[in-house]
């Protein structure tokens, strides 16, 4: 009888270890802290004006900050009459960008940034902005610098759930 209980205990313990090892490991950092910090500064001076300081986007609601009339003509034209700007942080952002690669996200920022060149911008500005956006969405910095061709999947890098159960 004791032998059966011991075997059952070993089986349960073995299953628990197997289940634990079957979980996804934390994604390694695909950007450095310095890149994310440089990205934060660039975002504050540009992206945050359209996407709001929280980067949760604009819905066109009254009272959104900064107020549209306070923005330059270029920013107002970019936002358009609807006042809608998609979020760069949160569940809606992850839903849209989660299945895409980090390289695709960098490329998207590359398309947008020339319209609103941050002060002190250089060739790495869009890479740094991407690092900050990833960090804001839960990704952890590491020792590997982010590059334009980083192919990690955004959802995996940020550790975000895909919403399925």
Foldseek 3Di string as FASTA:
>chain_A
DVVVVVVVVVVVVVVVVVVVVPDDDADAAQAAPVLLVLLLLQCVQFVCQQCPVLQQWWQQDPPGPPDLVVDDPLSNVVCDDRSTDHGLEDDVVCLVQQQFFLLVQLVVLVVVCVSPPGVPDDPCNSQSNSSNSLVRHAADHHDHHHDNPGGHGSCSRRVHDNPDD
